[in-house]
Amino acid sequence: MWLRYRKKSGSCPDLCVAYTGTDEKANMIKAVRLFSRQVTLPLVIDSTNLEVIEEALKCYGGKAIINSINLEDGKKRLIRSAALQRDTAPFL
């Protein structure tokens, strides 16, 4: 799966597993563990849920990129997101 993706895009894989009615945190952990064994490029953790992002970063051994940081919940969310970026990973 990863080899086909890499040949077509050449970019970092963007992991987004948010589907209504599913456990996003558990699905993200499974996806990170699966891809981290196969991918040499940084993973892009794509979620608006900071708990999901934090758990994904804990189980990922490399430097990830965080996607989908937003201001929906205001300044408090941005400050918490910035702390994640400073401590662990850049974000888009």
Foldseek 3Di string as FASTA:
>chain_A
DVVVVCVVPVDAEEDDDDDPPDDRLVVLCVVLVVVLVPDPDAHEDEDQDVVSVVSSQVNHPDQHEYEDDDQPVHDVSVVVVVVCCVVGYHYD
